[in-house]
Protein backbone atom coordinates (compact mmCIF):
# COMPACT_ATOMS: atom_id res chain seq x y z
CA MET A 1 102.82 123.16 89.22
CA LEU A 2 105.26 124.68 91.41
CA ARG A 3 104.84 128.64 91.41
CA ARG A 4 107.39 131.28 92.14
CA ALA A 5 106.37 134.78 93.15
CA GLY A 6 107.57 137.85 91.24
CA VAL A 7 107.24 135.95 87.80
CA GLY A 8 105.26 138.06 85.19
CA GLU A 9 102.70 136.57 82.93
CA GLU A 10 105.42 135.83 80.34
CA GLY A 11 107.73 132.88 80.29
CA LEU A 12 110.04 131.11 78.06
CA PRO A 13 107.99 128.77 75.50
CA GLY A 14 108.50 125.22 76.39
CA ARG A 15 106.63 122.17 77.32
CA ARG A 16 106.72 121.58 81.19
CA SER A 17 105.07 124.39 83.20
CA LYS A 18 102.09 125.98 82.09
CA ALA A 19 102.39 129.67 81.60
CA TYR A 20 101.35 132.85 79.79
CA SER A 21 103.80 133.03 76.74
CA ALA A 22 104.02 134.37 73.01
CA GLN A 23 103.02 130.77 72.11
CA GLY A 24 99.96 128.69 72.86
CA ALA A 25 96.20 128.91 72.75
CA THR A 26 94.50 132.38 72.88
CA VAL A 27 92.81 132.99 76.25
CA ARG A 28 91.36 136.42 75.47
CA ALA A 29 92.07 139.94 73.81
CA VAL A 30 93.99 142.25 75.99
CA ARG A 31 95.72 145.73 75.52
CA GLY A 32 99.25 145.14 74.98
CA GLY A 33 98.87 141.29 74.03
CA HIS A 34 100.57 139.53 71.20
CA GLY A 35 99.88 140.26 67.60
CA LEU A 36 96.53 141.73 66.46
CA ASN A 37 93.17 140.38 67.83
CA VAL A 38 90.88 141.43 65.27
CA VAL A 39 87.76 140.18 66.88
CA GLY A 40 88.85 142.01 70.12
CA SER A 41 89.75 145.13 68.27
CA VAL A 42 86.40 145.35 66.56
CA LEU A 43 84.36 144.60 69.96
CA ALA A 44 86.79 147.35 71.68
CA ALA A 45 85.65 149.94 68.77
CA ALA A 46 82.16 149.08 69.16
CA ASP A 47 81.98 149.38 72.84
CA ARG A 48 83.40 152.95 72.35
CA GLY A 49 80.75 153.40 69.78
CA ALA A 50 82.96 153.85 66.70
CA SER A 51 81.04 155.02 63.54
CA ILE A 52 80.91 152.62 60.59
CA SER A 53 81.04 154.06 56.96
CA GLY A 54 80.48 151.18 54.53
CA GLU A 55 82.77 148.53 55.48
CA MET A 56 85.21 150.80 57.18
CA ILE A 57 85.33 151.16 60.97
CA ASP A 58 86.52 154.32 62.57
CA PHE A 59 89.33 152.48 64.47
CA ARG A 60 91.58 154.54 67.09
CA PRO A 61 94.92 153.29 68.55
CA SER A 62 92.96 152.73 71.84
CA ASP A 63 90.64 150.26 70.28
CA LEU A 64 93.57 147.82 69.26
CA ARG A 65 93.75 144.41 71.12
CA GLY A 66 96.31 141.63 71.20
CA SER A 67 96.06 138.16 72.41
CA LEU A 68 96.72 136.90 75.91
CA ARG A 69 98.07 133.29 75.04
CA ARG A 70 98.58 130.14 77.57
CA GLY A 71 101.28 127.72 76.48
CA HIS A 72 104.07 125.92 78.42
CA GLU A 73 107.18 127.45 79.43
CA SER A 74 110.96 126.05 79.87
CA ASN A 75 112.43 125.32 83.24
CA LEU A 76 115.61 125.53 85.01
CA ILE A 77 115.71 122.61 87.15
CA VAL A 78 118.37 122.70 90.01
CA PHE A 79 119.12 119.27 91.88
CA LEU A 80 120.61 119.75 95.28
CA VAL A 81 121.71 116.21 96.46
CA ASP A 82 123.10 115.07 99.59
CA ALA A 83 126.06 113.10 98.80
CA SER A 84 127.53 112.59 102.15
CA GLY A 85 127.59 108.96 103.82
CA SER A 86 128.42 106.18 101.56
CA MET A 87 125.97 103.62 99.82
CA ALA A 88 122.96 105.59 100.18
CA ALA A 89 124.66 108.92 98.73
CA ARG A 90 125.92 106.79 95.86
CA ASP A 91 122.36 105.64 95.28
CA ARG A 92 120.91 109.28 95.51
CA LEU A 93 123.61 110.38 93.13
CA SER A 94 122.94 107.56 90.71
CA ALA A 95 119.26 108.30 90.89
CA VAL A 96 119.68 112.02 90.03
CA THR A 97 122.25 111.21 87.08
CA GLY A 98 119.22 109.08 85.53
CA ALA A 99 116.74 111.59 86.06
CA VAL A 100 118.86 114.13 84.53
CA VAL A 101 119.73 112.19 81.58
CA SER A 102 116.00 111.11 81.22
CA MET A 103 115.03 114.83 81.16
CA LEU A 104 117.71 116.02 78.99
CA ARG A 105 116.65 113.29 76.22
CA ASP A 106 113.73 115.62 75.45
CA ALA A 107 115.32 118.68 76.21
CA TYR A 108 115.02 119.92 72.77
CA GLN A 109 111.28 119.77 73.06
CA ARG A 110 110.86 120.98 76.48
CA ARG A 111 113.70 123.30 76.36
CA ASP A 112 114.66 122.57 80.10
CA LYS A 113 118.24 123.14 81.43
CA VAL A 114 119.29 121.06 84.33
CA ALA A 115 122.05 121.80 87.18
CA VAL A 116 123.47 119.79 90.07
CA ILE A 117 124.73 120.64 93.18
CA SER A 118 126.46 118.03 95.35
CA VAL A 119 126.32 118.40 99.31
CA ARG A 120 129.12 116.51 100.91
CA GLY A 121 132.38 117.14 102.67
CA ALA A 122 133.80 120.56 103.39
CA ALA A 123 131.85 122.46 101.06
CA PRO A 124 129.08 122.04 98.32
CA GLU A 125 130.05 121.41 94.87
CA LEU A 126 128.47 122.49 91.41
CA LEU A 127 128.79 118.98 89.74
CA LEU A 128 126.87 120.24 86.75
CA PRO A 129 126.28 123.95 85.61
CA PRO A 130 123.26 124.59 84.06
CA THR A 131 123.06 122.63 80.62
CA SER A 132 120.54 120.96 78.05
CA SER A 133 123.41 118.66 77.02
CA ILE A 134 123.29 115.12 77.76
CA GLU A 135 127.06 114.56 76.95
CA VAL A 136 128.04 117.28 79.20
CA ALA A 137 125.84 115.90 82.04
CA VAL A 138 127.20 112.39 81.76
CA ARG A 139 130.82 113.58 81.51
CA ARG A 140 130.57 115.85 84.65
CA MET A 141 128.35 113.42 86.76
CA ALA A 142 130.39 110.27 86.01
CA HIS A 143 133.08 110.60 88.71
CA ALA A 144 131.09 112.42 91.57
CA ASP A 145 132.49 111.50 95.02
CA THR A 146 130.60 110.76 98.16
CA GLY A 147 131.11 110.97 101.79
CA GLY A 148 131.95 113.08 104.36
CA ARG A 149 129.84 115.79 106.02
CA THR A 150 126.64 117.49 105.19
CA PRO A 151 126.97 121.25 104.58
CA LEU A 152 123.48 121.55 103.53
CA ALA A 153 122.99 125.30 104.56
CA GLN A 154 125.93 126.12 102.13
CA GLY A 155 124.30 123.93 99.35
CA LEU A 156 121.39 126.02 99.84
CA VAL A 157 123.10 129.27 99.57
CA MET A 158 124.92 128.06 96.26
CA ALA A 159 121.67 127.03 94.66
CA GLN A 160 120.38 130.45 95.38
CA GLN A 161 123.30 132.21 94.03
CA LEU A 162 123.07 130.03 90.96
CA ILE A 163 119.42 130.67 90.62
CA GLU A 164 119.88 134.41 90.65
CA ARG A 165 122.74 134.22 88.10
CA GLU A 166 120.42 132.23 85.71
CA HIS A 167 117.51 134.93 86.71
CA ARG A 168 119.53 137.56 85.68
CA LYS A 169 120.27 136.02 82.29
CA GLU A 170 116.81 134.70 81.45
CA PRO A 171 114.41 136.48 83.50
CA ALA A 172 111.66 134.69 81.87
CA ARG A 173 112.84 130.91 82.66
CA ARG A 174 111.03 129.46 85.81
CA ALA A 175 113.43 128.00 88.32
CA MET A 176 112.76 124.68 90.30
CA LEU A 177 114.80 123.60 93.18
CA VAL A 178 114.77 119.78 93.81
CA ILE A 179 116.59 118.72 97.00
CA LEU A 180 117.06 115.11 98.08
CA SER A 181 117.95 115.19 101.39
CA ASP A 182 117.24 114.11 105.12
CA GLY A 183 117.42 117.75 106.05
CA ARG A 184 120.29 117.27 108.44
CA ASP A 185 123.23 119.55 108.37
CA THR A 186 126.44 118.19 110.09
CA SER A 187 128.67 121.23 109.35
CA HIS A 188 129.14 124.25 111.78
CA ALA A 189 125.93 125.81 110.15
CA GLY A 190 123.54 123.14 111.70
CA VAL A 191 119.64 123.52 111.64
CA ALA A 192 119.82 127.08 112.34
CA GLY A 193 121.94 127.67 109.07
CA VAL A 194 119.51 125.63 107.06
CA ARG A 195 116.20 127.62 108.23
CA THR A 196 118.11 130.85 107.41
CA ALA A 197 119.06 129.84 103.89
CA ALA A 198 115.59 128.46 103.16
CA SER A 199 113.89 131.29 104.46
CA THR A 200 116.28 133.53 102.01
CA ILE A 201 115.30 131.48 99.19
CA SER A 202 111.52 131.66 99.97
CA ARG A 203 111.86 135.45 100.33
CA ARG A 204 113.43 135.96 97.02
CA GLY A 205 110.76 134.10 95.23
CA LEU A 206 112.88 133.06 92.39
CA ALA A 207 112.20 129.28 92.44
CA GLY A 208 109.61 126.92 93.23
CA SER A 209 111.10 124.04 95.68
CA LEU A 210 110.24 120.60 96.09
CA VAL A 211 111.85 118.28 98.84
CA ILE A 212 112.15 114.67 98.41
CA ASP A 213 112.92 113.12 101.90
CA CYS A 214 115.55 110.61 102.01
CA GLU A 215 115.75 109.91 105.82
CA ARG A 216 115.63 106.30 106.58
CA ALA A 217 112.82 104.55 108.44
CA GLY A 218 113.99 103.77 112.02
CA ARG A 219 112.52 104.06 115.64
CA VAL A 220 113.38 107.76 115.81
CA THR A 221 112.80 110.07 112.85
CA LEU A 222 113.69 113.74 112.88
CA GLY A 223 111.44 115.02 110.42
CA LEU A 224 114.01 117.74 109.21
CA ALA A 225 113.25 117.57 105.55
CA LYS A 226 109.59 118.25 105.91
CA GLU A 227 110.34 121.20 108.12
CA LEU A 228 112.86 122.31 105.31
CA ALA A 229 110.13 122.22 102.84
CA ARG A 230 107.97 124.25 105.00
CA GLY A 231 110.63 126.87 105.46
CA LEU A 232 111.02 126.87 101.63
CA VAL A 233 107.22 127.14 101.17
CA GLY A 234 107.71 124.21 99.00
CA ALA A 235 106.27 120.75 98.00
CA TYR A 236 107.38 117.69 99.98
CA VAL A 237 107.37 114.13 99.32
CA LYS A 238 108.76 110.68 100.72
CA VAL A 239 109.43 107.85 98.53
CA ASP A 240 110.01 104.21 99.16
CA GLU A 241 112.16 103.62 96.32
CA LEU A 242 114.41 106.37 95.02
CA ASN A 243 115.48 105.92 91.24
CA ALA A 244 115.57 108.01 88.22
CA GLU A 245 111.84 107.20 87.16
CA SER A 246 110.49 108.15 90.35
CA ILE A 247 112.45 111.48 90.61
CA SER A 248 111.22 112.26 86.96
CA GLY A 249 107.75 111.39 87.80
CA ILE A 250 107.68 113.59 90.91
CA ILE A 251 108.79 116.48 89.12
CA ASP A 252 106.41 116.17 86.22
CA ALA A 253 103.58 115.84 88.83
CA VAL A 254 104.45 119.04 90.36
């Protein structure tokens, strides 16, 4: 599971990431927990040496215990996809679109939201604002453009800003940043800009990160996607066949 620093023990109920939440199985009795844990309250009173009169126990407010519960929480999954180039970029967008639709099919159960940022041309573009609607996703992704330069650093900044906005709205929803890229930035920002943006995302600690390496095999490989994953303190994976099923499977696995 991708973890993010600074998240409390409470998450929005869902079915993807494990988390302490208001719903789920009871782990133990704690002060300030959910509801009233009768057994835990009785044991706390007994440990204090509470007196018993008939069937009555001398409870005090400090004896009361609630339940710490472990269930699943919902996620905000932000895709950052390199849409520069031509055929390869179209394939990446197609794979992401398929993964988004697949995830949203069970969004009612998982309660996830999905967003997509395209990195191409002069500046990144928010193709899909956070949504749980299949109709909105298909409509917004249908006519996405490809080609041009790769402003990856700017895309990372846009992703961070989006995650921060959503965090202010729903602090308990865990964010996952999924990047499909070879790690190259062909804009003026270059490698240094990518490193700075990745460091900021990691330092803020509002999202777990996963880098799916799209670098093509050749005699010379730069390994920039792996370096990006290290800068994000995130997970890294390189897949031979990029499609909707492989992306969805990878995200479920982490």
